[in-house]
C-alpha atoms as a PDB file:
ATOM      1  CA  UNK A   1      -6.768  59.156  97.336  1.00  0.00           C
ATOM      2  CA  UNK A   2      -8.188  55.664  97.201  1.00  0.00           C
ATOM      3  CA  UNK A   3      -7.763  53.887  93.849  1.00  0.00           C
ATOM      4  CA  UNK A   4     -11.378  53.291  92.879  1.00  0.00           C
ATOM      5  CA  UNK A   5     -13.154  53.403  89.526  1.00  0.00           C
ATOM      6  CA  UNK A   6     -14.900  56.656  90.434  1.00  0.00           C
ATOM      7  CA  UNK A   7     -11.656  58.350  91.442  1.00  0.00           C
ATOM      8  CA  UNK A   8      -9.854  57.251  88.248  1.00  0.00           C
ATOM      9  CA  UNK A   9     -12.690  58.567  86.044  1.00  0.00           C
ATOM     10  CA  UNK A  10     -12.723  61.852  87.959  1.00  0.00           C
ATOM     11  CA  UNK A  11      -8.976  62.329  87.537  1.00  0.00           C
ATOM     12  CA  UNK A  12      -9.106  61.590  83.787  1.00  0.00           C
ATOM     13  CA  UNK A  13     -12.034  63.985  83.328  1.00  0.00           C
ATOM     14  CA  UNK A  14     -10.201  66.758  85.147  1.00  0.00           C
ATOM     15  CA  UNK A  15      -7.034  66.285  83.070  1.00  0.00           C
ATOM     16  CA  UNK A  16      -9.028  66.317  79.813  1.00  0.00           C
ATOM     17  CA  UNK A  17     -10.917  69.456  80.861  1.00  0.00           C
ATOM     18  CA  UNK A  18      -7.724  71.340  81.729  1.00  0.00           C
ATOM     19  CA  UNK A  19      -6.016  70.273  78.474  1.00  0.00           C
ATOM     20  CA  UNK A  20      -8.987  71.297  76.319  1.00  0.00           C
ATOM     21  CA  UNK A  21      -9.196  74.661  78.041  1.00  0.00           C
ATOM     22  CA  UNK A  22      -5.497  75.230  77.442  1.00  0.00           C
ATOM     23  CA  UNK A  23      -5.817  74.418  73.728  1.00  0.00           C
ATOM     24  CA  UNK A  24      -8.773  76.808  73.422  1.00  0.00           C
ATOM     25  CA  UNK A  25      -6.854  79.620  75.096  1.00  0.00           C
ATOM     26  CA  UNK A  26      -3.814  79.084  72.831  1.00  0.00           C
ATOM     27  CA  UNK A  27      -6.087  79.036  69.755  1.00  0.00           C
ATOM     28  CA  UNK A  28      -7.660  82.355  70.751  1.00  0.00           C
ATOM     29  CA  UNK A  29      -4.270  83.884  71.325  1.00  0.00           C
ATOM     30  CA  UNK A  30      -2.864  82.699  67.976  1.00  0.00           C
ATOM     31  CA  UNK A  31      -6.021  83.015  65.855  1.00  0.00           C
ATOM     32  CA  UNK A  32      -5.648  86.692  65.104  1.00  0.00           C
ATOM     33  CA  UNK A  33      -1.923  86.577  64.321  1.00  0.00           C
ATOM     34  CA  UNK A  34      -2.514  83.592  61.986  1.00  0.00           C
ATOM     35  CA  UNK A  35      -5.271  85.497  60.180  1.00  0.00           C
ATOM     36  CA  UNK A  36      -3.038  88.558  59.830  1.00  0.00           C
ATOM     37  CA  UNK A  37      -0.220  86.383  58.502  1.00  0.00           C
ATOM     38  CA  UNK A  38      -2.531  84.809  55.914  1.00  0.00           C
ATOM     39  CA  UNK A  39      -3.837  88.211  54.850  1.00  0.00           C
ATOM     40  CA  UNK A  40      -0.316  89.539  54.565  1.00  0.00           C
ATOM     41  CA  UNK A  41       0.681  86.504  52.479  1.00  0.00           C
ATOM     42  CA  UNK A  42      -2.266  87.138  50.135  1.00  0.00           C
ATOM     43  CA  UNK A  43      -1.372  90.819  49.762  1.00  0.00           C
ATOM     44  CA  UNK A  44       2.247  89.897  49.088  1.00  0.00           C
ATOM     45  CA  UNK A  45       1.156  87.349  46.496  1.00  0.00           C
ATOM     46  CA  UNK A  46      -1.132  89.902  44.852  1.00  0.00           C
ATOM     47  CA  UNK A  47       1.719  92.346  44.594  1.00  0.00           C
ATOM     48  CA  UNK A  48       3.895  89.645  43.042  1.00  0.00           C
ATOM     49  CA  UNK A  49       1.462  88.523  40.368  1.00  0.00           C
ATOM     50  CA  UNK A  50      -0.287  91.777  39.406  1.00  0.00           C
ATOM     51  CA  UNK A  51       0.742  95.081  37.839  1.00  0.00           C
ATOM     52  CA  UNK A  52       0.549  98.090  40.220  1.00  0.00           C
ATOM     53  CA  UNK A  53      -3.013  98.524  41.570  1.00  0.00           C
ATOM     54  CA  UNK A  54      -5.006 100.407  44.203  1.00  0.00           C
ATOM     55  CA  UNK A  55      -7.952  98.238  45.230  1.00  0.00           C
ATOM     56  CA  UNK A  56      -9.382  94.773  44.642  1.00  0.00           C
ATOM     57  CA  UNK A  57     -12.865  93.256  44.398  1.00  0.00           C
ATOM     58  CA  UNK A  58     -13.280  89.609  45.383  1.00  0.00           C
ATOM     59  CA  UNK A  59     -15.349  86.932  43.637  1.00  0.00           C
ATOM     60  CA  UNK A  60     -15.671  83.379  44.993  1.00  0.00           C
ATOM     61  CA  UNK A  61     -16.140  80.366  42.722  1.00  0.00           C
ATOM     62  CA  UNK A  62     -16.127  76.589  43.114  1.00  0.00           C
ATOM     63  CA  UNK A  63     -14.498  74.465  40.412  1.00  0.00           C
ATOM     64  CA  UNK A  64     -14.020  70.700  40.799  1.00  0.00           C
ATOM     65  CA  UNK A  65     -15.252  71.073  44.370  1.00  0.00           C
ATOM     66  CA  UNK A  66     -12.367  73.406  45.228  1.00  0.00           C
ATOM     67  CA  UNK A  67     -12.911  77.019  46.396  1.00  0.00           C
ATOM     68  CA  UNK A  68     -11.378  79.537  44.000  1.00  0.00           C
ATOM     69  CA  UNK A  69     -11.044  83.252  44.724  1.00  0.00           C
ATOM     70  CA  UNK A  70     -10.677  85.857  41.968  1.00  0.00           C
ATOM     71  CA  UNK A  71      -9.329  89.309  42.844  1.00  0.00           C
ATOM     72  CA  UNK A  72     -10.167  91.980  40.290  1.00  0.00           C
ATOM     73  CA  UNK A  73      -7.575  94.727  40.733  1.00  0.00           C
ATOM     74  CA  UNK A  74      -8.188  98.321  39.661  1.00  0.00           C
ATOM     75  CA  UNK A  75      -5.813 101.274  39.406  1.00  0.00           C
ATOM     76  CA  UNK A  76      -6.249 104.852  40.684  1.00  0.00           C
ATOM     77  CA  UNK A  77      -8.366 105.745  37.631  1.00  0.00           C
ATOM     78  CA  UNK A  78     -10.753 102.864  38.314  1.00  0.00           C
ATOM     79  CA  UNK A  79      -9.615 100.831  35.314  1.00  0.00           C
ATOM     80  CA  UNK A  80      -8.966  97.110  35.600  1.00  0.00           C
ATOM     81  CA  UNK A  81      -5.268  96.521  36.160  1.00  0.00           C
ATOM     82  CA  UNK A  82      -5.469  92.757  36.162  1.00  0.00           C
ATOM     83  CA  UNK A  83      -6.910  89.643  37.758  1.00  0.00           C
ATOM     84  CA  UNK A  84      -5.325  87.473  40.430  1.00  0.00           C
ATOM     85  CA  UNK A  85      -6.727  83.992  41.016  1.00  0.00           C
ATOM     86  CA  UNK A  86      -6.061  82.037  44.195  1.00  0.00           C
ATOM     87  CA  UNK A  87      -6.263  78.472  42.922  1.00  0.00           C
ATOM     88  CA  UNK A  88      -5.482  74.970  44.150  1.00  0.00           C
ATOM     89  CA  UNK A  89      -5.126  71.340  43.113  1.00  0.00           C
ATOM     90  CA  UNK A  90      -5.306  68.032  44.970  1.00  0.00           C
ATOM     91  CA  UNK A  91      -3.079  66.230  42.461  1.00  0.00           C
ATOM     92  CA  UNK A  92       0.280  67.045  44.007  1.00  0.00           C
ATOM     93  CA  UNK A  93       2.675  64.224  44.827  1.00  0.00           C
ATOM     94  CA  UNK A  94       2.144  65.000  48.522  1.00  0.00           C
ATOM     95  CA  UNK A  95      -1.368  66.412  48.401  1.00  0.00           C
ATOM     96  CA  UNK A  96      -2.726  69.932  48.149  1.00  0.00           C
ATOM     97  CA  UNK A  97      -0.943  72.731  46.287  1.00  0.00           C
ATOM     98  CA  UNK A  98      -2.157  76.350  46.479  1.00  0.00           C
ATOM     99  CA  UNK A  99      -0.930  79.196  44.314  1.00  0.00           C
ATOM    100  CA  UNK A 100      -1.772  82.675  43.080  1.00  0.00           C
ATOM    101  CA  UNK A 101      -1.885  83.251  39.325  1.00  0.00           C
ATOM    102  CA  UNK A 102      -1.910  86.785  37.926  1.00  0.00           C
ATOM    103  CA  UNK A 103      -3.458  87.705  34.577  1.00  0.00           C
ATOM    104  CA  UNK A 104      -3.306  90.957  32.646  1.00  0.00           C
ATOM    105  CA  UNK A 105      -6.673  92.305  31.395  1.00  0.00           C
ATOM    106  CA  UNK A 106      -6.056  90.617  28.006  1.00  0.00           C
ATOM    107  CA  UNK A 107      -5.321  87.229  29.629  1.00  0.00           C
ATOM    108  CA  UNK A 108      -1.518  87.239  29.556  1.00  0.00           C
ATOM    109  CA  UNK A 109       0.010  85.458  32.536  1.00  0.00           C
ATOM    110  CA  UNK A 110       1.891  88.081  34.558  1.00  0.00           C
ATOM    111  CA  UNK A 111       3.343  85.835  37.259  1.00  0.00           C
ATOM    112  CA  UNK A 112       2.647  82.815  39.481  1.00  0.00           C
ATOM    113  CA  UNK A 113       3.359  82.563  43.200  1.00  0.00           C
ATOM    114  CA  UNK A 114       3.172  79.218  45.035  1.00  0.00           C
ATOM    115  CA  UNK A 115       1.483  79.755  48.408  1.00  0.00           C
ATOM    116  CA  UNK A 116       1.468  76.212  49.804  1.00  0.00           C
ATOM    117  CA  UNK A 117       3.029  72.888  48.795  1.00  0.00           C
ATOM    118  CA  UNK A 118       4.434  69.795  50.487  1.00  0.00           C
ATOM    119  CA  UNK A 119       6.281  68.233  47.574  1.00  0.00           C
ATOM    120  CA  UNK A 120       9.538  66.285  47.713  1.00  0.00           C
ATOM    121  CA  UNK A 121      12.424  68.559  48.768  1.00  0.00           C
ATOM    122  CA  UNK A 122      14.823  69.250  45.916  1.00  0.00           C
ATOM    123  CA  UNK A 123      12.382  67.930  43.305  1.00  0.00           C
ATOM    124  CA  UNK A 124       8.762  69.073  43.443  1.00  0.00           C
ATOM    125  CA  UNK A 125       9.606  71.983  45.756  1.00  0.00           C
ATOM    126  CA  UNK A 126      11.421  73.650  42.865  1.00  0.00           C
ATOM    127  CA  UNK A 127       8.045  74.802  41.568  1.00  0.00           C
ATOM    128  CA  UNK A 128       8.319  77.682  44.039  1.00  0.00           C
ATOM    129  CA  UNK A 129      11.651  78.898  42.605  1.00  0.00           C
ATOM    130  CA  UNK A 130      11.615  82.088  40.559  1.00  0.00           C
ATOM    131  CA  UNK A 131      13.485  80.522  37.648  1.00  0.00           C
ATOM    132  CA  UNK A 132      11.743  77.126  37.513  1.00  0.00           C
ATOM    133  CA  UNK A 133      10.972  75.762  34.011  1.00  0.00           C
ATOM    134  CA  UNK A 134       7.217  75.522  34.672  1.00  0.00           C
ATOM    135  CA  UNK A 135       6.909  79.251  35.254  1.00  0.00           C
ATOM    136  CA  UNK A 136       9.319  79.978  32.416  1.00  0.00           C
ATOM    137  CA  UNK A 137       7.032  78.096  29.989  1.00  0.00           C
ATOM    138  CA  UNK A 138       3.908  80.045  31.021  1.00  0.00           C
ATOM    139  CA  UNK A 139       4.843  83.554  32.146  1.00  0.00           C
ATOM    140  CA  UNK A 140       4.302  86.316  29.589  1.00  0.00           C
ATOM    141  CA  UNK A 141       2.010  84.182  27.400  1.00  0.00           C
ATOM    142  CA  UNK A 142      -1.694  83.985  26.713  1.00  0.00           C
ATOM    143  CA  UNK A 143      -2.640  80.404  27.417  1.00  0.00           C
ATOM    144  CA  UNK A 144      -4.943  80.077  24.415  1.00  0.00           C
ATOM    145  CA  UNK A 145      -1.931  80.627  22.125  1.00  0.00           C
ATOM    146  CA  UNK A 146      -0.012  77.704  23.631  1.00  0.00           C
ATOM    147  CA  UNK A 147      -0.155  74.048  22.556  1.00  0.00           C
ATOM    148  CA  UNK A 148      -3.101  72.736  24.555  1.00  0.00           C
ATOM    149  CA  UNK A 149      -4.271  69.171  25.109  1.00  0.00           C
ATOM    150  CA  UNK A 150      -8.087  68.962  25.109  1.00  0.00           C
ATOM    151  CA  UNK A 151      -8.146  72.722  25.714  1.00  0.00           C
ATOM    152  CA  UNK A 152      -5.805  72.594  28.715  1.00  0.00           C
ATOM    153  CA  UNK A 153      -2.179  73.239  29.536  1.00  0.00           C
ATOM    154  CA  UNK A 154      -0.048  70.112  29.666  1.00  0.00           C
ATOM    155  CA  UNK A 155       3.576  69.178  30.126  1.00  0.00           C
ATOM    156  CA  UNK A 156       5.654  68.109  27.125  1.00  0.00           C
ATOM    157  CA  UNK A 157       5.370  64.442  28.131  1.00  0.00           C
ATOM    158  CA  UNK A 158       1.572  64.670  27.797  1.00  0.00           C
ATOM    159  CA  UNK A 159       1.620  66.488  24.436  1.00  0.00           C
ATOM    160  CA  UNK A 160       1.749  70.105  25.657  1.00  0.00           C
ATOM    161  CA  UNK A 161       4.626  72.584  25.631  1.00  0.00           C
ATOM    162  CA  UNK A 162       5.159  73.190  29.363  1.00  0.00           C
ATOM    163  CA  UNK A 163       8.638  72.084  30.454  1.00  0.00           C
ATOM    164  CA  UNK A 164       8.336  69.830  33.520  1.00  0.00           C
ATOM    165  CA  UNK A 165      10.547  69.793  36.579  1.00  0.00           C
ATOM    166  CA  UNK A 166      13.298  67.186  36.357  1.00  0.00           C
ATOM    167  CA  UNK A 167      12.237  63.917  38.055  1.00  0.00           C
ATOM    168  CA  UNK A 168       8.988  65.534  39.253  1.00  0.00           C
ATOM    169  CA  UNK A 169       6.413  64.877  36.539  1.00  0.00           C
ATOM    170  CA  UNK A 170       3.514  64.401  38.985  1.00  0.00           C
ATOM    171  CA  UNK A 171       4.231  67.737  40.668  1.00  0.00           C
ATOM    172  CA  UNK A 172       4.531  69.390  37.244  1.00  0.00           C
ATOM    173  CA  UNK A 173       1.159  68.014  36.144  1.00  0.00           C
ATOM    174  CA  UNK A 174      -0.408  69.286  39.370  1.00  0.00           C
ATOM    175  CA  UNK A 175       1.082  72.726  38.707  1.00  0.00           C
ATOM    176  CA  UNK A 176      -0.536  72.789  35.250  1.00  0.00           C
ATOM    177  CA  UNK A 177      -3.819  71.569  36.723  1.00  0.00           C
ATOM    178  CA  UNK A 178      -3.918  74.465  39.194  1.00  0.00           C
ATOM    179  CA  UNK A 179      -3.098  76.981  36.440  1.00  0.00           C
ATOM    180  CA  UNK A 180      -5.836  75.510  34.225  1.00  0.00           C
ATOM    181  CA  UNK A 181      -8.328  76.012  37.043  1.00  0.00           C
ATOM    182  CA  UNK A 182      -7.139  79.597  37.536  1.00  0.00           C
ATOM    183  CA  UNK A 183      -7.495  80.276  33.818  1.00  0.00           C
ATOM    184  CA  UNK A 184     -11.066  78.970  33.902  1.00  0.00           C
ATOM    185  CA  UNK A 185     -11.908  81.244  36.847  1.00  0.00           C
ATOM    186  CA  UNK A 186     -10.292  84.273  35.172  1.00  0.00           C
ATOM    187  CA  UNK A 187     -12.370  83.771  32.017  1.00  0.00           C
ATOM    188  CA  UNK A 188     -15.509  83.387  34.115  1.00  0.00           C
ATOM    189  CA  UNK A 189     -15.046  86.780  35.791  1.00  0.00           C
ATOM    190  CA  UNK A 190     -13.408  88.685  32.917  1.00  0.00           C
ATOM    191  CA  UNK A 191     -15.485  87.444  29.973  1.00  0.00           C
ATOM    192  CA  UNK A 192     -18.515  85.789  31.575  1.00  0.00           C
ATOM    193  CA  UNK A 193     -17.560  82.291  30.402  1.00  0.00           C
ATOM    194  CA  UNK A 194     -19.334  79.738  32.568  1.00  0.00           C
ATOM    195  CA  UNK A 195     -16.700  77.695  34.433  1.00  0.00           C
ATOM    196  CA  UNK A 196     -16.710  73.930  34.025  1.00  0.00           C
ATOM    197  CA  UNK A 197     -14.922  71.177  35.890  1.00  0.00           C
ATOM    198  CA  UNK A 198     -11.283  70.866  34.905  1.00  0.00           C
ATOM    199  CA  UNK A 199     -10.171  67.216  34.630  1.00  0.00           C
ATOM    200  CA  UNK A 200      -6.600  66.218  35.377  1.00  0.00           C
ATOM    201  CA  UNK A 201      -4.329  66.424  32.332  1.00  0.00           C
ATOM    202  CA  UNK A 202      -2.496  63.295  33.518  1.00  0.00           C
ATOM    203  CA  UNK A 203      -5.670  61.181  33.464  1.00  0.00           C
ATOM    204  CA  UNK A 204      -6.667  62.403  29.974  1.00  0.00           C
ATOM    205  CA  UNK A 205      -3.198  61.667  28.611  1.00  0.00           C
ATOM    206  CA  UNK A 206      -3.256  58.102  29.910  1.00  0.00           C
ATOM    207  CA  UNK A 207      -6.629  57.470  28.296  1.00  0.00           C
ATOM    208  CA  UNK A 208      -5.388  58.824  24.970  1.00  0.00           C
ATOM    209  CA  UNK A 209      -2.324  56.504  25.125  1.00  0.00           C
ATOM    210  CA  UNK A 210      -4.583  53.466  25.497  1.00  0.00           C
ATOM    211  CA  UNK A 211      -6.614  54.388  22.356  1.00  0.00           C
ATOM    212  CA  UNK A 212      -3.470  55.070  20.374  1.00  0.00           C
ATOM    213  CA  UNK A 213      -2.070  51.687  21.430  1.00  0.00           C
ATOM    214  CA  UNK A 214      -5.190  50.030  20.031  1.00  0.00           C
ATOM    215  CA  UNK A 215      -4.839  51.981  16.779  1.00  0.00           C
ATOM    216  CA  UNK A 216      -1.213  50.931  16.419  1.00  0.00           C
ATOM    217  CA  UNK A 217      -2.161  47.309  16.989  1.00  0.00           C
ATOM    218  CA  UNK A 218      -4.817  47.442  14.258  1.00  0.00           C
ATOM    219  CA  UNK A 219      -2.460  49.258  11.894  1.00  0.00           C
ATOM    220  CA  UNK A 220       0.196  46.595  12.379  1.00  0.00           C
ATOM    221  CA  UNK A 221      -2.281  43.833  11.530  1.00  0.00           C
ATOM    222  CA  UNK A 222      -3.418  45.698   8.430  1.00  0.00           C
ATOM    223  CA  UNK A 223       0.184  46.186   7.306  1.00  0.00           C
ATOM    224  CA  UNK A 224       0.882  42.468   7.694  1.00  0.00           C
ATOM    225  CA  UNK A 225      -2.167  41.604   5.616  1.00  0.00           C
ATOM    226  CA  UNK A 226      -1.237  44.142   2.933  1.00  0.00           C
ATOM    227  CA  UNK A 227       2.244  42.600   2.683  1.00  0.00           C
ATOM    228  CA  UNK A 228       0.724  39.213   1.785  1.00  0.00           C
ATOM    229  CA  UNK A 229       1.919  37.526   4.927  1.00  0.00           C
ATOM    230  CA  UNK A 230       0.054  34.232   5.202  1.00  0.00           C
ATOM    231  CA  UNK A 231       1.137  33.599   8.792  1.00  0.00           C
ATOM    232  CA  UNK A 232      -1.867  33.449  11.070  1.00  0.00           C
ATOM    233  CA  UNK A 233      -1.670  36.450  13.472  1.00  0.00           C
ATOM    234  CA  UNK A 234      -2.338  36.102  17.173  1.00  0.00           C
ATOM    235  CA  UNK A 235      -4.847  38.346  18.954  1.00  0.00           C
ATOM    236  CA  UNK A 236      -2.746  40.369  21.434  1.00  0.00           C
ATOM    237  CA  UNK A 237      -5.620  40.565  23.922  1.00  0.00           C
ATOM    238  CA  UNK A 238      -7.142  37.076  23.999  1.00  0.00           C
ATOM    239  CA  UNK A 239      -4.128  35.162  22.704  1.00  0.00           C
ATOM    240  CA  UNK A 240      -6.393  33.335  20.238  1.00  0.00           C
ATOM    241  CA  UNK A 241      -5.127  32.526  16.754  1.00  0.00           C
ATOM    242  CA  UNK A 242      -6.966  34.497  14.105  1.00  0.00           C
ATOM    243  CA  UNK A 243      -7.431  32.779  10.745  1.00  0.00           C
ATOM    244  CA  UNK A 244      -7.124  35.279   7.937  1.00  0.00           C
ATOM    245  CA  UNK A 245      -8.370  35.200   4.378  1.00  0.00           C
ATOM    246  CA  UNK A 246      -4.799  34.690   3.182  1.00  0.00           C
ATOM    247  CA  UNK A 247      -4.637  31.353   5.034  1.00  0.00           C
ATOM    248  CA  UNK A 248      -7.872  30.176   3.424  1.00  0.00           C
ATOM    249  CA  UNK A 249      -6.610  31.293   0.024  1.00  0.00           C
ATOM    250  CA  UNK A 250      -3.440  29.271   0.525  1.00  0.00           C
ATOM    251  CA  UNK A 251      -5.501  26.202   1.389  1.00  0.00           C
ATOM    252  CA  UNK A 252      -7.582  26.704  -1.735  1.00  0.00           C
ATOM    253  CA  UNK A 253      -4.463  26.990  -3.855  1.00  0.00           C
ATOM    254  CA  UNK A 254      -3.186  23.672  -2.514  1.00  0.00           C
ATOM    255  CA  UNK A 255      -6.470  21.964  -3.362  1.00  0.00           C
ATOM    256  CA  UNK A 256      -6.419  23.443  -6.863  1.00  0.00           C
ATOM    257  CA  UNK A 257      -2.820  22.360  -7.591  1.00  0.00           C
ATOM    258  CA  UNK A 258      -3.880  19.159  -9.388  1.00  0.00           C
ATOM    259  CA  UNK A 259      -3.342  16.788  -6.483  1.00  0.00           C
ATOM    260  CA  UNK A 260      -5.553  13.717  -6.162  1.00  0.00           C
ATOM    261  CA  UNK A 261      -8.802  14.644  -4.374  1.00  0.00           C
ATOM    262  CA  UNK A 262      -9.048  11.289  -2.585  1.00  0.00           C
ATOM    263  CA  UNK A 263      -5.468  11.652  -1.306  1.00  0.00           C
ATOM    264  CA  UNK A 264      -6.219  15.124   0.063  1.00  0.00           C
ATOM    265  CA  UNK A 265      -9.351  13.801   1.740  1.00  0.00           C
ATOM    266  CA  UNK A 266      -7.435  10.913   3.344  1.00  0.00           C
ATOM    267  CA  UNK A 267      -4.809  13.357   4.668  1.00  0.00           C
ATOM    268  CA  UNK A 268      -7.554  15.445   6.296  1.00  0.00           C
ATOM    269  CA  UNK A 269      -9.188  12.391   7.860  1.00  0.00           C
ATOM    270  CA  UNK A 270     -12.412  12.613   5.863  1.00  0.00           C
ATOM    271  CA  UNK A 271     -12.319  10.364   2.741  1.00  0.00           C
ATOM    272  CA  UNK A 272     -14.777  11.540   0.085  1.00  0.00           C
ATOM    273  CA  UNK A 273     -16.687   8.699  -1.610  1.00  0.00           C
ATOM    274  CA  UNK A 274     -17.748   9.453  -5.178  1.00  0.00           C
ATOM    275  CA  UNK A 275     -20.584   7.615  -7.057  1.00  0.00           C
ATOM    276  CA  UNK A 276     -18.051   5.682  -9.187  1.00  0.00           C
ATOM    277  CA  UNK A 277     -16.219   4.279  -6.193  1.00  0.00           C
ATOM    278  CA  UNK A 278     -19.535   3.112  -4.697  1.00  0.00           C
ATOM    279  CA  UNK A 279     -20.427   1.304  -7.926  1.00  0.00           C
ATOM    280  CA  UNK A 280     -17.048  -0.351  -7.969  1.00  0.00           C
ATOM    281  CA  UNK A 281     -17.547  -1.519  -4.414  1.00  0.00           C
ATOM    282  CA  UNK A 282     -20.926  -3.031  -5.261  1.00  0.00           C
ATOM    283  CA  UNK A 283     -19.343  -4.821  -8.230  1.00  0.00           C
ATOM    284  CA  UNK A 284     -16.648  -6.260  -5.988  1.00  0.00           C
ATOM    285  CA  UNK A 285     -19.268  -7.520  -3.529  1.00  0.00           C
ATOM    286  CA  UNK A 286     -21.218  -9.150  -6.380  1.00  0.00           C
ATOM    287  CA  UNK A 287     -18.099 -10.949  -7.662  1.00  0.00           C
ATOM    288  CA  UNK A 288     -17.330 -12.319  -4.212  1.00  0.00           C
ATOM    289  CA  UNK A 289     -20.958 -13.573  -3.908  1.00  0.00           C
ATOM    290  CA  UNK A 290     -20.762 -15.422  -7.267  1.00  0.00           C
ATOM    291  CA  UNK A 291     -17.516 -17.104  -6.224  1.00  0.00           C
ATOM    292  CA  UNK A 292     -19.035 -18.262  -2.925  1.00  0.00           C
ATOM    293  CA  UNK A 293     -22.119 -19.600  -4.772  1.00  0.00           C
ATOM    294  CA  UNK A 294     -19.974 -21.546  -7.221  1.00  0.00           C
ATOM    295  CA  UNK A 295     -17.872 -23.025  -4.432  1.00  0.00           C
ATOM    296  CA  UNK A 296     -21.012 -24.070  -2.537  1.00  0.00           C
ATOM    297  CA  UNK A 297     -22.485 -25.714  -5.671  1.00  0.00           C
ATOM    298  CA  UNK A 298     -19.289 -27.612  -6.301  1.00  0.00           C
ATOM    299  CA  UNK A 299     -19.255 -28.908  -2.723  1.00  0.00           C
ATOM    300  CA  UNK A 300     -22.887 -30.082  -3.081  1.00  0.00           C
ATOM    301  CA  UNK A 301     -22.124 -31.934  -6.370  1.00  0.00           C
ATOM    302  CA  UNK A 302     -19.060 -33.641  -4.900  1.00  0.00           C
ATOM    303  CA  UNK A 303     -20.969 -34.710  -1.793  1.00  0.00           C
ATOM    304  CA  UNK A 304     -23.792 -36.157  -3.882  1.00  0.00           C
ATOM    305  CA  UNK A 305     -21.266 -38.070  -5.969  1.00  0.00           C
ATOM    306  CA  UNK A 306     -19.593 -39.521  -2.869  1.00  0.00           C
ATOM    307  CA  UNK A 307     -22.941 -40.522  -1.403  1.00  0.00           C
ATOM    308  CA  UNK A 308     -23.901 -42.241  -4.667  1.00  0.00           C
ATOM    309  CA  UNK A 309     -20.623 -44.227  -4.680  1.00  0.00           C
ATOM    310  CA  UNK A 310     -21.163 -45.372  -1.109  1.00  0.00           C
ATOM    311  CA  UNK A 311     -24.682 -46.540  -1.852  1.00  0.00           C
ATOM    312  CA  UNK A 312     -23.418 -48.649  -4.773  1.00  0.00           C
ATOM    313  CA  UNK A 313     -20.726 -50.245  -2.601  1.00  0.00           C
ATOM    314  CA  UNK A 314     -23.301 -51.304  -0.058  1.00  0.00           C
ATOM    315  CA  UNK A 315     -25.110 -53.157  -2.805  1.00  0.00           C
ATOM    316  CA  UNK A 316     -21.914 -55.053  -3.803  1.00  0.00           C
ATOM    317  CA  UNK A 317     -20.464 -57.041  -0.851  1.00  0.00           C
ATOM    318  CA  UNK A 318     -17.468 -58.197  -2.700  1.00  0.00           C
ATOM    319  CA  UNK A 319     -16.501 -54.746  -3.589  1.00  0.00           C
ATOM    320  CA  UNK A 320     -16.965 -53.661   0.072  1.00  0.00           C
ATOM    321  CA  UNK A 321     -14.568 -56.402   1.226  1.00  0.00           C
ATOM    322  CA  UNK A 322     -12.077 -55.563  -1.408  1.00  0.00           C
ATOM    323  CA  UNK A 323     -12.277 -51.880  -0.343  1.00  0.00           C
ATOM    324  CA  UNK A 324     -11.655 -52.823   3.325  1.00  0.00           C
ATOM    325  CA  UNK A 325     -15.015 -51.469   4.548  1.00  0.00           C
ATOM    326  CA  UNK A 326     -16.575 -53.013   7.635  1.00  0.00           C
END
């Protein structure tokens, strides 16, 4: 085949068509087995997290933009045996985490089964173990009786009482977030409580730490002032020096200590002139004027006397010769 543009495009089109057809055929072949596997996984999870039951009724909810499915399980007598909630969170260390949370009719957590997670092996993956501390902190308890943070489960580090996985705090927070969402969905179906968006416990804890830091800063400043510390504190945010009332009081005490007012003014670079000092200055100017006037008068008298003597000498030639005048 000749190597032309048309031939190259035709070959590429043919290869793409064959590949796409092959993918479609494989998808059709595997689609049903995948669906059966997912259904079997759900049934297995339901059996793990619920007391013995006969049938289930499904309710679909959306919380935080995530699809949540609630399975209401009934026994042979038609009574509610429990509720299983298929929940999820996007806050995992490696993305999405899906789990099934089982509740007894009174809200007690029966069990939790992790369906999907991609956390760090040996750390976050331990959330799927039967004896992991997260499950141990929650199973067998009604969540409303636990220590909640803003109405939600939280790990011990964030103020709650859920023991986190060692070296996997982010994964532990995501676990709590998914359980919180499941609890919200359970209450919606079991008691008619309208579900609301469930914010991440990690984000709320960080915000609270910032406020508390500000409170501690203010408390420290207040304590320093109460102790009588006259040192001017520095604003921790702007770095600017803050002048306190104690500093001004100290300055006032120095001024009131009996020191000379003029000396204090000279030290501050702003000499204060009082009425008395102005009068003294005027007196000194007047004295200097009188002295200059007297000196000028004396010079005038002396000059007049010398001029008079010269005139008399001109009238007496003999005297002029005897004086050596030309």
